[in-house]
Amino acid sequence: MGADCMAEYLKERGINWVIIGQQTSVKASTQPKIEWIREIVEACDKAKIQVFLKDNLSSVFSGCTIDDKWVWDKRLGHGKLWRQELPFEGK
């Protein structure tokens, strides 16, 4: 779909919070691709929508670095915690 198109879709529908995680119970066959997660987070950022990345994504993010700013909690300024923003936080 693309981040720009997805951002517009989310805004049009009044979405104000997106939770991203792996299906429970966690197994390799239900692990999302990091590209999917990145595209959703980038779309949410463009649409100014809060993002909550569930802890069960840790295996997906194992190769991420501090440079992957879309993954990390923006409030901390360093890569210690996944983004776990709440609706209307900081507004």
PDB file of N, CA and C in Angstrom:
ATOM      1  N   MET A   1       0.831  -1.185   0.000  1.00  0.00           N
ATOM      2  CA  MET A   1       0.000   0.000   0.000  1.00  0.00           C
ATOM      3  C   MET A   1       0.876   1.249   0.000  1.00  0.00           C
ATOM      4  N   GLY A   2       1.981   1.245   0.693  1.00  0.00           N
ATOM      5  CA  GLY A   2       2.851   2.408   0.779  1.00  0.00           C
ATOM      6  C   GLY A   2       2.506   3.275   1.984  1.00  0.00           C
ATOM      7  N   ALA A   3       3.536   3.823   2.625  1.00  0.00           N
ATOM      8  CA  ALA A   3       3.345   4.593   3.856  1.00  0.00           C
ATOM      9  C   ALA A   3       2.475   5.830   3.649  1.00  0.00           C
ATOM     10  N   ASP A   4       2.633   6.531   2.517  1.00  0.00           N
ATOM     11  CA  ASP A   4       1.837   7.739   2.274  1.00  0.00           C
ATOM     12  C   ASP A   4       0.356   7.404   2.131  1.00  0.00           C
ATOM     13  N   CYS A   5       0.069   6.393   1.349  1.00  0.00           N
ATOM     14  CA  CYS A   5      -1.316   5.983   1.125  1.00  0.00           C
ATOM     15  C   CYS A   5      -1.932   5.456   2.427  1.00  0.00           C
ATOM     16  N   MET A   6      -1.152   4.667   3.162  1.00  0.00           N
ATOM     17  CA  MET A   6      -1.639   4.132   4.437  1.00  0.00           C
ATOM     18  C   MET A   6      -1.897   5.255   5.438  1.00  0.00           C
ATOM     19  N   ALA A   7      -1.033   6.265   5.473  1.00  0.00           N
ATOM     20  CA  ALA A   7      -1.206   7.398   6.387  1.00  0.00           C
ATOM     21  C   ALA A   7      -2.528   8.104   6.096  1.00  0.00           C
ATOM     22  N   GLU A   8      -2.807   8.332   4.829  1.00  0.00           N
ATOM     23  CA  GLU A   8      -4.058   8.992   4.444  1.00  0.00           C
ATOM     24  C   GLU A   8      -5.262   8.132   4.843  1.00  0.00           C
ATOM     25  N   TYR A   9      -5.167   6.837   4.621  1.00  0.00           N
ATOM     26  CA  TYR A   9      -6.230   5.894   4.985  1.00  0.00           C
ATOM     27  C   TYR A   9      -6.522   5.961   6.486  1.00  0.00           C
ATOM     28  N   LEU A  10      -5.461   5.947   7.297  1.00  0.00           N
ATOM     29  CA  LEU A  10      -5.621   5.989   8.752  1.00  0.00           C
ATOM     30  C   LEU A  10      -6.249   7.305   9.208  1.00  0.00           C
ATOM     31  N   LYS A  11      -5.780   8.429   8.629  1.00  0.00           N
ATOM     32  CA  LYS A  11      -6.332   9.741   8.996  1.00  0.00           C
ATOM     33  C   LYS A  11      -7.803   9.846   8.634  1.00  0.00           C
ATOM     34  N   GLU A  12      -8.164   9.383   7.442  1.00  0.00           N
ATOM     35  CA  GLU A  12      -9.552   9.460   6.992  1.00  0.00           C
ATOM     36  C   GLU A  12     -10.507   8.706   7.912  1.00  0.00           C
ATOM     37  N   ARG A  13     -10.011   7.655   8.537  1.00  0.00           N
ATOM     38  CA  ARG A  13     -10.864   6.833   9.389  1.00  0.00           C
ATOM     39  C   ARG A  13     -10.808   7.227  10.863  1.00  0.00           C
ATOM     40  N   GLY A  14     -10.083   8.286  11.173  1.00  0.00           N
ATOM     41  CA  GLY A  14     -10.036   8.792  12.535  1.00  0.00           C
ATOM     42  C   GLY A  14      -9.264   7.915  13.515  1.00  0.00           C
ATOM     43  N   ILE A  15      -8.332   7.122  13.008  1.00  0.00           N
ATOM     44  CA  ILE A  15      -7.519   6.259  13.867  1.00  0.00           C
ATOM     45  C   ILE A  15      -6.565   7.143  14.669  1.00  0.00           C
ATOM     46  N   ASN A  16      -6.488   6.934  15.992  1.00  0.00           N
ATOM     47  CA  ASN A  16      -5.570   7.735  16.807  1.00  0.00           C
ATOM     48  C   ASN A  16      -4.554   6.894  17.572  1.00  0.00           C
ATOM     49  N   TRP A  17      -4.597   5.563  17.380  1.00  0.00           N
ATOM     50  CA  TRP A  17      -3.654   4.700  18.083  1.00  0.00           C
ATOM     51  C   TRP A  17      -3.550   3.388  17.334  1.00  0.00           C
ATOM     52  N   VAL A  18      -2.318   2.922  17.122  1.00  0.00           N
ATOM     53  CA  VAL A  18      -2.087   1.646  16.453  1.00  0.00           C
ATOM     54  C   VAL A  18      -1.212   0.786  17.351  1.00  0.00           C
ATOM     55  N   ILE A  19      -1.667  -0.429  17.609  1.00  0.00           N
ATOM     56  CA  ILE A  19      -0.914  -1.405  18.392  1.00  0.00           C
ATOM     57  C   ILE A  19      -0.420  -2.469  17.430  1.00  0.00           C
ATOM     58  N   ILE A  20       0.884  -2.722  17.478  1.00  0.00           N
ATOM     59  CA  ILE A  20       1.492  -3.715  16.590  1.00  0.00           C
ATOM     60  C   ILE A  20       2.151  -4.784  17.446  1.00  0.00           C
ATOM     61  N   GLY A  21       1.827  -6.032  17.165  1.00  0.00           N
ATOM     62  CA  GLY A  21       2.428  -7.133  17.904  1.00  0.00           C
ATOM     63  C   GLY A  21       2.275  -8.424  17.142  1.00  0.00           C
ATOM     64  N   GLN A  22       2.909  -9.439  17.678  1.00  0.00           N
ATOM     65  CA  GLN A  22       2.828 -10.761  17.097  1.00  0.00           C
ATOM     66  C   GLN A  22       1.622 -11.495  17.657  1.00  0.00           C
ATOM     67  N   GLN A  23       1.022 -12.311  16.832  1.00  0.00           N
ATOM     68  CA  GLN A  23      -0.124 -13.113  17.267  1.00  0.00           C
ATOM     69  C   GLN A  23       0.273 -13.975  18.457  1.00  0.00           C
ATOM     70  N   THR A  24      -0.631 -14.102  19.424  1.00  0.00           N
ATOM     71  CA  THR A  24      -0.405 -14.969  20.569  1.00  0.00           C
ATOM     72  C   THR A  24      -1.005 -16.322  20.219  1.00  0.00           C
ATOM     73  N   SER A  25      -0.411 -17.395  20.467  1.00  0.00           N
ATOM     74  CA  SER A  25       0.873 -17.650  21.080  1.00  0.00           C
ATOM     75  C   SER A  25       2.013 -17.414  20.089  1.00  0.00           C
ATOM     76  N   VAL A  26       3.120 -16.898  20.617  1.00  0.00           N
ATOM     77  CA  VAL A  26       4.237 -16.481  19.785  1.00  0.00           C
ATOM     78  C   VAL A  26       4.964 -17.706  19.242  1.00  0.00           C
ATOM     79  N   LYS A  27       5.063 -17.766  17.928  1.00  0.00           N
ATOM     80  CA  LYS A  27       5.845 -18.812  17.262  1.00  0.00           C
ATOM     81  C   LYS A  27       6.391 -18.247  15.956  1.00  0.00           C
ATOM     82  N   ALA A  28       7.401 -18.906  15.437  1.00  0.00           N
ATOM     83  CA  ALA A  28       8.064 -18.416  14.225  1.00  0.00           C
ATOM     84  C   ALA A  28       7.086 -18.248  13.067  1.00  0.00           C
ATOM     85  N   SER A  29       6.093 -19.097  12.979  1.00  0.00           N
ATOM     86  CA  SER A  29       5.163 -19.038  11.850  1.00  0.00           C
ATOM     87  C   SER A  29       4.230 -17.822  11.900  1.00  0.00           C
ATOM     88  N   THR A  30       4.114 -17.166  13.064  1.00  0.00           N
ATOM     89  CA  THR A  30       3.249 -15.988  13.172  1.00  0.00           C
ATOM     90  C   THR A  30       4.041 -14.692  13.282  1.00  0.00           C
ATOM     91  N   GLN A  31       5.348 -14.772  13.108  1.00  0.00           N
ATOM     92  CA  GLN A  31       6.198 -13.583  13.235  1.00  0.00           C
ATOM     93  C   GLN A  31       6.011 -12.673  12.025  1.00  0.00           C
ATOM     94  N   PRO A  32       5.655 -11.386  12.253  1.00  0.00           N
ATOM     95  CA  PRO A  32       5.504 -10.467  11.122  1.00  0.00           C
ATOM     96  C   PRO A  32       6.863 -10.088  10.542  1.00  0.00           C
ATOM     97  N   LYS A  33       6.863  -9.673   9.298  1.00  0.00           N
ATOM     98  CA  LYS A  33       8.098  -9.217   8.673  1.00  0.00           C
ATOM     99  C   LYS A  33       8.384  -7.806   9.144  1.00  0.00           C
ATOM    100  N   ILE A  34       9.647  -7.530   9.383  1.00  0.00           N
ATOM    101  CA  ILE A  34      10.036  -6.209   9.880  1.00  0.00           C
ATOM    102  C   ILE A  34       9.661  -5.120   8.875  1.00  0.00           C
ATOM    103  N   GLU A  35       9.642  -5.443   7.584  1.00  0.00           N
ATOM    104  CA  GLU A  35       9.273  -4.458   6.573  1.00  0.00           C
ATOM    105  C   GLU A  35       7.822  -4.015   6.748  1.00  0.00           C
ATOM    106  N   TRP A  36       6.939  -4.943   7.118  1.00  0.00           N
ATOM    107  CA  TRP A  36       5.534  -4.609   7.346  1.00  0.00           C
ATOM    108  C   TRP A  36       5.408  -3.646   8.515  1.00  0.00           C
ATOM    109  N   ILE A  37       6.126  -3.973   9.594  1.00  0.00           N
ATOM    110  CA  ILE A  37       6.056  -3.147  10.799  1.00  0.00           C
ATOM    111  C   ILE A  37       6.606  -1.756  10.505  1.00  0.00           C
ATOM    112  N   ARG A  38       7.737  -1.697   9.828  1.00  0.00           N
ATOM    113  CA  ARG A  38       8.356  -0.403   9.493  1.00  0.00           C
ATOM    114  C   ARG A  38       7.391   0.455   8.675  1.00  0.00           C
ATOM    115  N   GLU A  39       6.732  -0.134   7.685  1.00  0.00           N
ATOM    116  CA  GLU A  39       5.813   0.627   6.841  1.00  0.00           C
ATOM    117  C   GLU A  39       4.625   1.166   7.649  1.00  0.00           C
ATOM    118  N   ILE A  40       4.100   0.354   8.541  1.00  0.00           N
ATOM    119  CA  ILE A  40       2.977   0.794   9.376  1.00  0.00           C
ATOM    120  C   ILE A  40       3.415   1.932  10.293  1.00  0.00           C
ATOM    121  N   VAL A  41       4.575   1.791  10.932  1.00  0.00           N
ATOM    122  CA  VAL A  41       5.066   2.831  11.846  1.00  0.00           C
ATOM    123  C   VAL A  41       5.343   4.121  11.078  1.00  0.00           C
ATOM    124  N   GLU A  42       5.944   4.015   9.909  1.00  0.00           N
ATOM    125  CA  GLU A  42       6.218   5.215   9.111  1.00  0.00           C
ATOM    126  C   GLU A  42       4.913   5.903   8.702  1.00  0.00           C
ATOM    127  N   ALA A  43       3.898   5.126   8.345  1.00  0.00           N
ATOM    128  CA  ALA A  43       2.595   5.701   7.994  1.00  0.00           C
ATOM    129  C   ALA A  43       1.984   6.401   9.203  1.00  0.00           C
ATOM    130  N   CYS A  44       2.088   5.777  10.369  1.00  0.00           N
ATOM    131  CA  CYS A  44       1.553   6.390  11.586  1.00  0.00           C
ATOM    132  C   CYS A  44       2.284   7.688  11.907  1.00  0.00           C
ATOM    133  N   ASP A  45       3.591   7.699  11.732  1.00  0.00           N
ATOM    134  CA  ASP A  45       4.362   8.926  11.977  1.00  0.00           C
ATOM    135  C   ASP A  45       3.900  10.041  11.041  1.00  0.00           C
ATOM    136  N   LYS A  46       3.692   9.719   9.772  1.00  0.00           N
ATOM    137  CA  LYS A  46       3.235  10.727   8.814  1.00  0.00           C
ATOM    138  C   LYS A  46       1.849  11.247   9.178  1.00  0.00           C
ATOM    139  N   ALA A  47       1.014  10.364   9.716  1.00  0.00           N
ATOM    140  CA  ALA A  47      -0.353  10.742  10.080  1.00  0.00           C
ATOM    141  C   ALA A  47      -0.448  11.264  11.514  1.00  0.00           C
ATOM    142  N   LYS A  48       0.689  11.327  12.205  1.00  0.00           N
ATOM    143  CA  LYS A  48       0.750  11.792  13.606  1.00  0.00           C
ATOM    144  C   LYS A  48      -0.144  10.932  14.511  1.00  0.00           C
ATOM    145  N   ILE A  49      -0.011   9.616  14.335  1.00  0.00           N
ATOM    146  CA  ILE A  49      -0.763   8.638  15.126  1.00  0.00           C
ATOM    147  C   ILE A  49       0.206   7.936  16.065  1.00  0.00           C
ATOM    148  N   GLN A  50      -0.196   7.788  17.323  1.00  0.00           N
ATOM    149  CA  GLN A  50       0.635   7.122  18.321  1.00  0.00           C
ATOM    150  C   GLN A  50       0.774   5.634  17.983  1.00  0.00           C
ATOM    151  N   VAL A  51       1.952   5.060  18.306  1.00  0.00           N
ATOM    152  CA  VAL A  51       2.262   3.661  18.006  1.00  0.00           C
ATOM    153  C   VAL A  51       2.695   2.946  19.273  1.00  0.00           C
ATOM    154  N   PHE A  52       2.144   1.759  19.467  1.00  0.00           N
ATOM    155  CA  PHE A  52       2.528   0.911  20.591  1.00  0.00           C
ATOM    156  C   PHE A  52       3.064  -0.387  20.007  1.00  0.00           C
ATOM    157  N   LEU A  53       4.359  -0.653  20.216  1.00  0.00           N
ATOM    158  CA  LEU A  53       4.977  -1.888  19.749  1.00  0.00           C
ATOM    159  C   LEU A  53       5.025  -2.871  20.913  1.00  0.00           C
ATOM    160  N   LYS A  54       4.323  -3.977  20.766  1.00  0.00           N
ATOM    161  CA  LYS A  54       4.247  -4.956  21.847  1.00  0.00           C
ATOM    162  C   LYS A  54       5.602  -5.618  22.098  1.00  0.00           C
ATOM    163  N   ASP A  55       5.825  -5.990  23.351  1.00  0.00           N
ATOM    164  CA  ASP A  55       7.087  -6.620  23.741  1.00  0.00           C
ATOM    165  C   ASP A  55       7.342  -7.931  23.005  1.00  0.00           C
ATOM    166  N   ASN A  56       6.284  -8.584  22.519  1.00  0.00           N
ATOM    167  CA  ASN A  56       6.502  -9.866  21.864  1.00  0.00           C
ATOM    168  C   ASN A  56       7.119  -9.734  20.467  1.00  0.00           C
ATOM    169  N   LEU A  57       7.503  -8.521  20.084  1.00  0.00           N
ATOM    170  CA  LEU A  57       8.199  -8.295  18.813  1.00  0.00           C
ATOM    171  C   LEU A  57       9.716  -8.322  18.965  1.00  0.00           C
ATOM    172  N   SER A  58      10.216  -8.611  20.152  1.00  0.00           N
ATOM    173  CA  SER A  58      11.654  -8.524  20.407  1.00  0.00           C
ATOM    174  C   SER A  58      12.469  -9.374  19.440  1.00  0.00           C
ATOM    175  N   SER A  59      11.977 -10.546  19.049  1.00  0.00           N
ATOM    176  CA  SER A  59      12.739 -11.376  18.110  1.00  0.00           C
ATOM    177  C   SER A  59      12.789 -10.735  16.723  1.00  0.00           C
ATOM    178  N   VAL A  60      11.758  -9.995  16.354  1.00  0.00           N
ATOM    179  CA  VAL A  60      11.730  -9.301  15.063  1.00  0.00           C
ATOM    180  C   VAL A  60      12.758  -8.173  15.052  1.00  0.00           C
ATOM    181  N   PHE A  61      12.911  -7.489  16.181  1.00  0.00           N
ATOM    182  CA  PHE A  61      13.787  -6.327  16.266  1.00  0.00           C
ATOM    183  C   PHE A  61      15.206  -6.660  16.689  1.00  0.00           C
ATOM    184  N   SER A  62      15.553  -7.919  16.794  1.00  0.00           N
ATOM    185  CA  SER A  62      16.876  -8.291  17.308  1.00  0.00           C
ATOM    186  C   SER A  62      18.018  -7.693  16.489  1.00  0.00           C
ATOM    187  N   GLY A  63      17.805  -7.441  15.195  1.00  0.00           N
ATOM    188  CA  GLY A  63      18.857  -6.875  14.362  1.00  0.00           C
ATOM    189  C   GLY A  63      18.826  -5.365  14.261  1.00  0.00           C
ATOM    190  N   CYS A  64      17.892  -4.705  14.928  1.00  0.00           N
ATOM    191  CA  CYS A  64      17.773  -3.250  14.838  1.00  0.00           C
ATOM    192  C   CYS A  64      18.870  -2.568  15.634  1.00  0.00           C
ATOM    193  N   THR A  65      19.225  -1.385  15.177  1.00  0.00           N
ATOM    194  CA  THR A  65      20.244  -0.605  15.866  1.00  0.00           C
ATOM    195  C   THR A  65      19.628   0.692  16.364  1.00  0.00           C
ATOM    196  N   ILE A  66      20.412   1.427  17.127  1.00  0.00           N
ATOM    197  CA  ILE A  66      19.947   2.701  17.668  1.00  0.00           C
ATOM    198  C   ILE A  66      19.599   3.675  16.540  1.00  0.00           C
ATOM    199  N   ASP A  67      20.132   3.438  15.340  1.00  0.00           N
ATOM    200  CA  ASP A  67      19.830   4.298  14.192  1.00  0.00           C
ATOM    201  C   ASP A  67      18.421   4.076  13.662  1.00  0.00           C
ATOM    202  N   ASP A  68      17.790   2.970  14.038  1.00  0.00           N
ATOM    203  CA  ASP A  68      16.427   2.679  13.600  1.00  0.00           C
ATOM    204  C   ASP A  68      15.452   3.437  14.497  1.00  0.00           C
ATOM    205  N   LYS A  69      15.410   4.742  14.355  1.00  0.00           N
ATOM    206  CA  LYS A  69      14.664   5.611  15.265  1.00  0.00           C
ATOM    207  C   LYS A  69      13.171   5.308  15.288  1.00  0.00           C
ATOM    208  N   TRP A  70      12.638   4.712  14.249  1.00  0.00           N
ATOM    209  CA  TRP A  70      11.216   4.385  14.216  1.00  0.00           C
ATOM    210  C   TRP A  70      10.857   3.315  15.248  1.00  0.00           C
ATOM    211  N   VAL A  71      11.836   2.555  15.714  1.00  0.00           N
ATOM    212  CA  VAL A  71      11.594   1.475  16.685  1.00  0.00           C
ATOM    213  C   VAL A  71      11.621   1.979  18.118  1.00  0.00           C
ATOM    214  N   TRP A  72      12.524   2.895  18.412  1.00  0.00           N
ATOM    215  CA  TRP A  72      12.810   3.264  19.795  1.00  0.00           C
ATOM    216  C   TRP A  72      11.836   4.283  20.344  1.00  0.00           C
ATOM    217  N   ASP A  73      11.691   4.283  21.647  1.00  0.00           N
ATOM    218  CA  ASP A  73      10.846   5.251  22.339  1.00  0.00           C
ATOM    219  C   ASP A  73      11.463   6.632  22.161  1.00  0.00           C
ATOM    220  N   LYS A  74      10.764   7.507  21.468  1.00  0.00           N
ATOM    221  CA  LYS A  74      11.297   8.833  21.125  1.00  0.00           C
ATOM    222  C   LYS A  74      11.567   9.687  22.357  1.00  0.00           C
ATOM    223  N   ARG A  75      10.873   9.429  23.432  1.00  0.00           N
ATOM    224  CA  ARG A  75      11.030  10.258  24.629  1.00  0.00           C
ATOM    225  C   ARG A  75      12.362  10.025  25.322  1.00  0.00           C
ATOM    226  N   LEU A  76      12.958   8.858  25.128  1.00  0.00           N
ATOM    227  CA  LEU A  76      14.187   8.530  25.838  1.00  0.00           C
ATOM    228  C   LEU A  76      15.440   9.057  25.152  1.00  0.00           C
ATOM    229  N   GLY A  77      15.392   9.161  23.828  1.00  0.00           N
ATOM    230  CA  GLY A  77      16.555   9.646  23.104  1.00  0.00           C
ATOM    231  C   GLY A  77      17.630   8.586  22.926  1.00  0.00           C
ATOM    232  N   HIS A  78      17.346   7.368  23.300  1.00  0.00           N
ATOM    233  CA  HIS A  78      18.295   6.274  23.090  1.00  0.00           C
ATOM    234  C   HIS A  78      17.506   4.982  22.913  1.00  0.00           C
ATOM    235  N   GLY A  79      18.167   3.968  22.387  1.00  0.00           N
ATOM    236  CA  GLY A  79      17.470   2.729  22.073  1.00  0.00           C
ATOM    237  C   GLY A  79      17.416   1.738  23.210  1.00  0.00           C
ATOM    238  N   LYS A  80      16.615   2.009  24.208  1.00  0.00           N
ATOM    239  CA  LYS A  80      16.479   1.078  25.322  1.00  0.00           C
ATOM    240  C   LYS A  80      15.112   0.411  25.354  1.00  0.00           C
ATOM    241  N   LEU A  81      14.086   1.091  24.891  1.00  0.00           N
ATOM    242  CA  LEU A  81      12.737   0.538  24.937  1.00  0.00           C
ATOM    243  C   LEU A  81      12.064   0.692  23.588  1.00  0.00           C
ATOM    244  N   TRP A  82      11.230  -0.286  23.228  1.00  0.00           N
ATOM    245  CA  TRP A  82      10.419  -0.151  22.022  1.00  0.00           C
ATOM    246  C   TRP A  82       9.453   1.008  22.232  1.00  0.00           C
ATOM    247  N   ARG A  83       9.004   1.573  21.134  1.00  0.00           N
ATOM    248  CA  ARG A  83       7.991   2.637  21.228  1.00  0.00           C
ATOM    249  C   ARG A  83       6.717   2.050  21.824  1.00  0.00           C
ATOM    250  N   GLN A  84       6.257   2.679  22.871  1.00  0.00           N
ATOM    251  CA  GLN A  84       5.018   2.251  23.500  1.00  0.00           C
ATOM    252  C   GLN A  84       4.239   3.508  23.880  1.00  0.00           C
ATOM    253  N   GLU A  85       3.819   4.216  22.845  1.00  0.00           N
ATOM    254  CA  GLU A  85       3.091   5.471  23.029  1.00  0.00           C
ATOM    255  C   GLU A  85       1.621   5.175  23.299  1.00  0.00           C
ATOM    256  N   LEU A  86       0.994   6.061  24.002  1.00  0.00           N
ATOM    257  CA  LEU A  86      -0.434   5.934  24.312  1.00  0.00           C
ATOM    258  C   LEU A  86      -1.202   7.009  23.560  1.00  0.00           C
ATOM    259  N   PRO A  87      -2.500   6.793  23.308  1.00  0.00           N
ATOM    260  CA  PRO A  87      -3.282   7.785  22.558  1.00  0.00           C
ATOM    261  C   PRO A  87      -3.213   9.157  23.228  1.00  0.00           C
ATOM    262  N   PHE A  88      -3.098  10.164  22.404  1.00  0.00           N
ATOM    263  CA  PHE A  88      -3.094  11.570  22.827  1.00  0.00           C
ATOM    264  C   PHE A  88      -1.891  11.924  23.693  1.00  0.00           C
ATOM    265  N   GLU A  89      -0.921  11.054  23.797  1.00  0.00           N
ATOM    266  CA  GLU A  89       0.274  11.325  24.588  1.00  0.00           C
ATOM    267  C   GLU A  89       1.054  12.460  23.946  1.00  0.00           C
ATOM    268  N   GLY A  90       1.430  13.430  24.699  1.00  0.00           N
ATOM    269  CA  GLY A  90       2.224  14.531  24.201  1.00  0.00           C
ATOM    270  C   GLY A  90       1.451  15.552  23.396  1.00  0.00           C
ATOM    271  N   LYS A  91       0.136  15.487  23.424  1.00  0.00           N
ATOM    272  CA  LYS A  91      -0.661  16.450  22.654  1.00  0.00           C
ATOM    273  C   LYS A  91      -1.285  17.452  23.574  1.00  0.00           C
TER     274      LYS A  91
END
